Amino acid sequence: MIPRRIGLVGLGAISRYYLAAIDAAPGWDLAALCDVRTPALRPHHGHVPCHTDHRRMLAECDLDAVVVAVPNHAHATVCGDALRAGVAVCVEKPLALTVTEGRALGTLAAETDTPLFTAFHRRYNDAVARLRGQLSAGGGIASVRVRYLERIEEHIQGDTWYLDPERCGGGCVADNGPNAFDLVRLLLGEVTVERATVARDAHGVDRQAVVDLSGAGGRTARVELDWSWPGEAKDLQVRRADGTVLHADMLALHPGFKASLWHEYAGILDDFAHAVHTGTRADGGLAALELVSDTYDCEEPPARAAEEEQTR
């Protein structure tokens, strides 16, 4: 099989995981790179065509697919241009900055009959896969808890846009929320936000959030997000209807800093290749974005939530 030609737009903190996954995957051939920052492209000159304008890259490089790893506020523009060019898209979560943008991208993908794939890397985590295998042995799920806790400044390297609510779309809810919500949906199916407490800093960035959700058959989920956690914890707990508890520590077998991402992004590229091969357009990108929006719509400050809890 001839490898498909893929381009990468955005050479920020997450790009090295995509580059490694593309390099290791026999089905992909890295055909172009793009970043608006010339210094970010400099190490790649002479190895692969480099561009500072994604539209020019799309016009000149005869791509089959593109990975979009630009700041969140630019997702809709870059994805839209790629879809209009008939180029399959793998976009970092979140799909877009707003639900309106996300729905427009879904419509465009359908109109152009072009795959649109959102990258939720935690669904490819090996500990999550083992937990799902245990669940397949039987025993209904009663509740799910996902924790996504980190000190964000330790993870963003030079990508300061994460701390700009207008470019990020918010804070921990906008950026970490989609991964956590995707895991909940992976286990429970469609869910609804019932309650959310959100704590923001002086710049309006949401640094902590607790989101309670409900699913079919009385099943529940809680998502805990924190951008001020001293260290890092990413885990998943499932309580079965019979009271037994299953646990997946997404970092346990990968002690190096962000070491779990190497195999997770390999999983993304494999799944994206399948989506391109089969022409798949729909995934959970819009659903996760809607849950982010619903969380912000019903958010309460922590103090008010604590007062209401005491009166119950």
Protein backbone atom coordinates (compact mmCIF):
# COMPACT_ATOMS: atom_id res chain seq x y z
CA MET A 1 0.00 0.00 0.00
CA ILE A 2 1.34 3.43 -0.94
CA PRO A 3 1.57 5.69 2.16
CA ARG A 4 -0.86 8.58 2.23
CA ARG A 5 0.63 12.09 2.19
CA ILE A 6 -0.02 13.95 5.43
CA GLY A 7 0.78 17.47 6.57
CA LEU A 8 1.04 18.89 10.08
CA VAL A 9 -0.14 22.41 10.90
CA GLY A 10 1.15 23.73 14.23
CA LEU A 11 4.54 22.92 15.78
CA GLY A 12 3.74 23.60 19.42
CA ALA A 13 4.17 21.42 22.49
CA ILE A 14 2.15 18.49 21.17
CA SER A 15 3.68 18.31 17.67
CA ARG A 16 6.59 16.03 18.60
CA TYR A 17 4.15 13.24 19.48
CA TYR A 18 2.43 13.56 16.13
CA LEU A 19 5.76 13.66 14.28
CA ALA A 20 6.95 10.51 16.04
CA ALA A 21 3.68 8.71 15.33
CA ILE A 22 3.74 9.69 11.65
CA ASP A 23 7.36 8.58 11.34
CA ALA A 24 6.59 5.18 12.86
CA ALA A 25 3.39 4.52 10.90
CA PRO A 26 3.88 2.76 7.53
CA GLY A 27 0.61 4.18 6.23
CA TRP A 28 1.69 7.82 6.43
CA ASP A 29 4.29 9.89 4.61
CA LEU A 30 5.07 13.30 6.14
CA ALA A 31 4.73 15.61 3.14
CA ALA A 32 4.54 19.12 4.62
CA LEU A 33 4.82 21.18 7.80
CA CYS A 34 3.28 24.54 8.61
CA ASP A 35 3.65 27.05 11.42
CA VAL A 36 3.29 30.83 11.44
CA ARG A 37 6.54 31.03 13.44
CA THR A 38 9.58 30.76 11.18
CA PRO A 39 11.91 29.65 14.02
CA ALA A 40 9.67 26.65 14.72
CA LEU A 41 10.16 25.48 11.13
CA ARG A 42 13.91 26.01 11.01
CA PRO A 43 14.96 22.53 12.32
CA HIS A 44 12.88 20.91 9.55
CA HIS A 45 14.17 22.84 6.55
CA GLY A 46 15.78 20.52 4.03
CA HIS A 47 13.87 17.50 5.34
CA VAL A 48 10.27 18.33 4.42
CA PRO A 49 8.53 21.24 2.65
CA CYS A 50 7.85 24.01 5.20
CA HIS A 51 5.21 26.73 5.06
CA THR A 52 4.06 29.65 7.17
CA ASP A 53 0.62 29.78 5.48
CA HIS A 54 -1.59 26.69 5.74
CA ARG A 55 -3.62 27.72 2.68
CA ARG A 56 -0.50 27.76 0.55
CA MET A 57 0.51 24.38 1.95
CA LEU A 58 -2.89 22.94 1.04
CA ALA A 59 -2.68 24.40 -2.47
CA GLU A 60 0.86 23.27 -3.26
CA CYS A 61 1.50 19.95 -1.48
CA ASP A 62 -1.10 17.51 -2.86
CA LEU A 63 -2.03 16.19 0.59
CA ASP A 64 -4.37 13.34 1.43
CA ALA A 65 -4.70 14.39 5.07
CA VAL A 66 -3.68 17.02 7.57
CA VAL A 67 -3.18 17.12 11.34
CA VAL A 68 -4.34 20.39 12.90
CA ALA A 69 -2.46 21.17 16.12
CA VAL A 70 -2.73 24.95 16.20
CA PRO A 71 -4.11 26.96 19.17
CA ASN A 72 -7.77 26.23 19.85
CA HIS A 73 -9.11 29.50 18.46
CA ALA A 74 -7.66 28.69 15.02
CA HIS A 75 -9.05 25.15 14.74
CA ALA A 76 -12.20 26.15 12.85
CA THR A 77 -10.35 28.21 10.23
CA VAL A 78 -7.64 25.65 9.45
CA CYS A 79 -10.04 22.68 9.52
CA GLY A 80 -12.53 24.49 7.32
CA ASP A 81 -9.90 25.35 4.70
CA ALA A 82 -8.67 21.74 4.64
CA LEU A 83 -12.18 20.31 4.29
CA ARG A 84 -12.96 22.71 1.44
CA ALA A 85 -9.77 21.47 -0.26
CA GLY A 86 -10.99 17.87 0.12
CA VAL A 87 -8.21 17.01 2.58
CA ALA A 88 -9.07 14.69 5.48
CA VAL A 89 -8.65 16.32 8.91
CA CYS A 90 -7.36 15.07 12.25
CA VAL A 91 -7.78 17.95 14.70
CA GLU A 92 -6.53 18.15 18.26
CA LYS A 93 -9.31 18.40 20.81
CA PRO A 94 -11.37 20.50 21.09
CA LEU A 95 -12.93 20.30 17.64
CA ALA A 96 -13.44 24.07 17.67
CA LEU A 97 -13.80 26.97 20.04
CA THR A 98 -17.61 27.03 20.04
CA VAL A 99 -20.47 24.64 19.35
CA THR A 100 -21.54 26.82 16.42
CA GLU A 101 -18.11 26.43 14.83
CA GLY A 102 -18.13 22.70 15.51
CA ARG A 103 -21.51 22.20 13.88
CA ALA A 104 -20.40 24.21 10.86
CA LEU A 105 -17.36 21.97 10.45
CA GLY A 106 -19.54 18.87 10.67
CA THR A 107 -21.82 20.25 7.96
CA LEU A 108 -18.84 21.11 5.77
CA ALA A 109 -17.38 17.61 6.20
CA ALA A 110 -20.70 16.11 5.09
CA GLU A 111 -21.03 18.47 2.13
CA THR A 112 -17.51 17.75 0.90
CA ASP A 113 -17.67 14.04 1.86
CA THR A 114 -14.35 14.45 3.69
CA PRO A 115 -13.33 12.70 6.94
CA LEU A 116 -13.23 14.94 10.03
CA PHE A 117 -11.59 13.25 13.01
CA THR A 118 -11.06 14.67 16.50
CA ALA A 119 -8.02 13.41 18.43
CA PHE A 120 -8.92 12.24 21.95
CA HIS A 121 -5.65 10.65 22.96
CA ARG A 122 -6.75 9.20 26.33
CA ARG A 123 -9.11 6.73 24.68
CA TYR A 124 -5.97 5.03 23.29
CA ASN A 125 -4.25 4.76 26.67
CA ASP A 126 -3.17 1.18 27.46
CA ALA A 127 -4.58 1.28 31.03
CA VAL A 128 -7.93 2.49 29.69
CA ALA A 129 -7.91 -0.33 27.12
CA ARG A 130 -7.31 -2.91 29.86
CA LEU A 131 -10.15 -1.50 31.96
CA ARG A 132 -12.52 -1.66 29.00
CA GLY A 133 -11.46 -5.26 28.47
CA GLN A 134 -12.38 -6.06 32.08
CA LEU A 135 -15.78 -4.44 31.60
CA SER A 136 -16.49 -6.59 28.58
CA ALA A 137 -16.43 -9.63 30.89
CA GLY A 138 -19.78 -8.51 32.32
CA GLY A 139 -21.26 -6.41 35.10
CA GLY A 140 -23.12 -3.21 34.35
CA ILE A 141 -21.63 0.21 35.15
CA ALA A 142 -23.16 2.26 37.96
CA SER A 143 -20.81 5.25 37.95
CA VAL A 144 -17.64 6.65 36.42
CA ARG A 145 -15.10 9.12 37.75
CA VAL A 146 -12.42 10.75 35.60
CA ARG A 147 -9.66 12.85 37.16
CA TYR A 148 -7.49 15.11 35.04
CA LEU A 149 -5.19 17.00 37.38
CA GLU A 150 -1.98 18.86 36.56
CA ARG A 151 -0.15 22.15 36.95
CA ILE A 152 -0.73 23.53 33.48
CA GLU A 153 2.35 25.76 33.45
CA GLU A 154 4.54 22.63 33.59
CA HIS A 155 2.94 21.20 30.44
CA ILE A 156 2.59 24.01 27.93
CA GLN A 157 6.26 24.81 27.28
CA GLY A 158 6.13 28.04 25.24
CA ASP A 159 2.46 27.71 24.27
CA THR A 160 1.17 30.54 26.45
CA TRP A 161 -2.12 30.64 24.52
CA TYR A 162 -3.43 27.98 26.93
CA LEU A 163 -3.63 30.73 29.57
CA ASP A 164 -5.52 33.14 27.31
CA PRO A 165 -9.27 32.37 27.65
CA GLU A 166 -10.06 33.94 24.27
CA ARG A 167 -7.57 31.70 22.44
CA CYS A 168 -8.08 28.58 24.56
CA GLY A 169 -11.86 28.87 24.82
CA GLY A 170 -11.68 29.04 28.61
CA GLY A 171 -9.30 27.02 30.76
CA CYS A 172 -9.26 23.48 32.14
CA VAL A 173 -12.88 22.84 31.10
CA ALA A 174 -12.29 23.93 27.51
CA ASP A 175 -8.99 22.15 27.00
CA ASN A 176 -8.85 19.12 29.34
CA GLY A 177 -12.61 18.71 29.54
CA PRO A 178 -12.99 17.17 26.04
CA ASN A 179 -10.59 14.30 26.84
CA ALA A 180 -12.37 13.60 30.15
CA PHE A 181 -15.85 13.85 28.64
CA ASP A 182 -14.81 11.55 25.80
CA LEU A 183 -13.82 8.85 28.30
CA VAL A 184 -17.19 9.19 30.04
CA ARG A 185 -19.01 8.87 26.72
CA LEU A 186 -16.82 5.93 25.74
CA LEU A 187 -18.15 4.04 28.78
CA LEU A 188 -21.65 5.41 29.30
CA GLY A 189 -22.75 6.66 25.89
CA GLU A 190 -24.65 9.93 25.72
CA VAL A 191 -24.62 11.93 28.97
CA THR A 192 -26.03 15.18 30.28
CA VAL A 193 -24.38 17.80 32.50
CA GLU A 194 -26.35 18.05 35.75
CA ARG A 195 -24.15 20.30 37.87
CA ALA A 196 -20.78 22.06 37.59
CA THR A 197 -18.61 24.05 39.97
CA VAL A 198 -15.88 26.15 38.38
CA ALA A 199 -13.12 28.20 40.02
CA ARG A 200 -11.38 30.92 37.99
CA ASP A 201 -8.26 32.98 38.55
CA ALA A 202 -7.96 36.76 38.30
CA HIS A 203 -7.49 36.51 34.53
CA GLY A 204 -10.73 34.58 34.01
CA VAL A 205 -9.01 31.23 33.39
CA ASP A 206 -10.91 28.32 34.91
CA ARG A 207 -8.32 26.50 37.02
CA GLN A 208 -10.54 23.92 38.75
CA ALA A 209 -13.87 22.30 37.92
CA VAL A 210 -16.06 19.44 39.14
CA VAL A 211 -18.74 18.32 36.68
CA ASP A 212 -21.51 15.84 37.51
CA LEU A 213 -23.20 14.07 34.61
CA SER A 214 -26.01 11.57 34.17
CA GLY A 215 -26.56 8.83 31.63
CA ALA A 216 -29.18 6.27 30.71
CA GLY A 217 -30.49 3.91 33.37
CA GLY A 218 -29.56 6.13 36.31
CA ARG A 219 -25.81 5.84 35.66
CA THR A 220 -23.72 8.79 36.77
CA ALA A 221 -20.29 10.29 36.17
CA ARG A 222 -18.07 12.87 37.79
CA VAL A 223 -15.25 14.71 36.01
CA GLU A 224 -12.63 16.47 38.15
CA LEU A 225 -10.33 18.96 36.42
CA ASP A 226 -7.49 20.96 37.94
CA TRP A 227 -4.82 23.17 36.39
CA SER A 228 -3.20 24.04 39.75
CA TRP A 229 -2.53 20.50 41.01
CA PRO A 230 0.95 19.95 42.53
CA GLY A 231 2.13 17.24 40.17
CA GLU A 232 0.02 15.18 37.80
CA ALA A 233 -2.80 12.64 38.16
CA LYS A 234 -4.81 11.22 35.26
CA ASP A 235 -7.02 8.31 36.19
CA LEU A 236 -10.34 6.61 35.59
CA GLN A 237 -12.51 4.76 38.12
CA VAL A 238 -15.54 2.64 37.28
CA ARG A 239 -17.96 1.34 39.88
CA ARG A 240 -20.00 -1.62 38.72
CA ALA A 241 -23.62 -2.21 39.66
CA ASP A 242 -22.49 -5.03 41.98
CA GLY A 243 -20.27 -2.60 43.94
CA THR A 244 -16.90 -3.74 42.58
CA VAL A 245 -14.52 -0.98 41.51
CA LEU A 246 -12.12 -0.93 38.56
CA HIS A 247 -9.32 1.58 38.26
CA ALA A 248 -7.08 2.75 35.42
CA ASP A 249 -4.06 4.96 36.16
CA MET A 250 -3.22 6.41 32.77
CA LEU A 251 0.31 7.37 33.87
CA ALA A 252 1.32 4.35 35.98
CA LEU A 253 3.29 2.42 33.38
CA HIS A 254 4.83 5.55 31.89
CA PRO A 255 6.89 7.25 34.62
CA GLY A 256 8.63 9.77 32.35
CA PHE A 257 7.16 13.25 31.93
CA LYS A 258 4.26 12.97 29.44
CA ALA A 259 5.63 9.53 28.50
CA SER A 260 2.17 8.02 28.01
CA LEU A 261 1.57 10.30 25.04
CA TRP A 262 3.92 8.40 22.73
CA HIS A 263 1.72 5.30 22.48
CA GLU A 264 -1.52 7.30 22.69
CA TYR A 265 -0.65 9.41 19.65
CA ALA A 266 0.39 6.32 17.75
CA GLY A 267 -3.14 5.08 18.43
CA ILE A 268 -4.60 8.33 17.13
CA LEU A 269 -2.72 8.07 13.83
CA ASP A 270 -3.74 4.42 13.38
CA ASP A 271 -7.40 5.25 14.00
CA PHE A 272 -7.21 8.29 11.74
CA ALA A 273 -5.76 6.13 8.96
CA HIS A 274 -8.76 3.81 9.35
CA ALA A 275 -11.14 6.80 9.20
CA VAL A 276 -9.52 8.03 6.00
CA HIS A 277 -9.57 4.55 4.46
CA THR A 278 -13.25 4.00 5.27
CA GLY A 279 -14.36 7.60 4.67
CA THR A 280 -15.64 7.99 8.24
CA ARG A 281 -16.80 11.53 9.01
CA ALA A 282 -18.58 11.42 12.38
CA ASP A 283 -16.88 11.07 15.77
CA GLY A 284 -17.30 12.47 19.27
CA GLY A 285 -15.76 15.87 18.65
CA LEU A 286 -19.00 17.81 18.57
CA ALA A 287 -20.53 15.91 21.51
CA ALA A 288 -17.53 16.69 23.72
CA LEU A 289 -17.65 20.33 22.66
CA GLU A 290 -21.34 20.49 23.58
CA LEU A 291 -20.56 19.11 27.05
CA VAL A 292 -17.91 21.83 27.49
CA SER A 293 -20.48 24.46 26.54
CA ASP A 294 -23.12 22.95 28.85
CA THR A 295 -20.61 22.96 31.72
CA TYR A 296 -19.98 26.67 31.31
CA ASP A 297 -23.70 27.36 30.93
CA CYS A 298 -24.59 25.81 34.30
CA GLU A 299 -21.42 26.55 36.26
CA GLU A 300 -21.55 27.66 39.88
CA PRO A 301 -18.71 29.15 41.95
CA PRO A 302 -17.30 26.66 44.51
CA ALA A 303 -18.50 28.68 47.53
CA ARG A 304 -22.12 28.67 46.36
CA ALA A 305 -21.99 24.98 45.54
CA ALA A 306 -20.63 24.19 49.01
CA GLU A 307 -23.41 26.20 50.66
CA GLU A 308 -26.09 24.38 48.65
CA GLU A 309 -24.56 21.02 49.52
CA GLN A 310 -24.71 21.81 53.25
CA THR A 311 -28.41 22.66 53.04
CA ARG A 312 -29.34 19.32 51.46
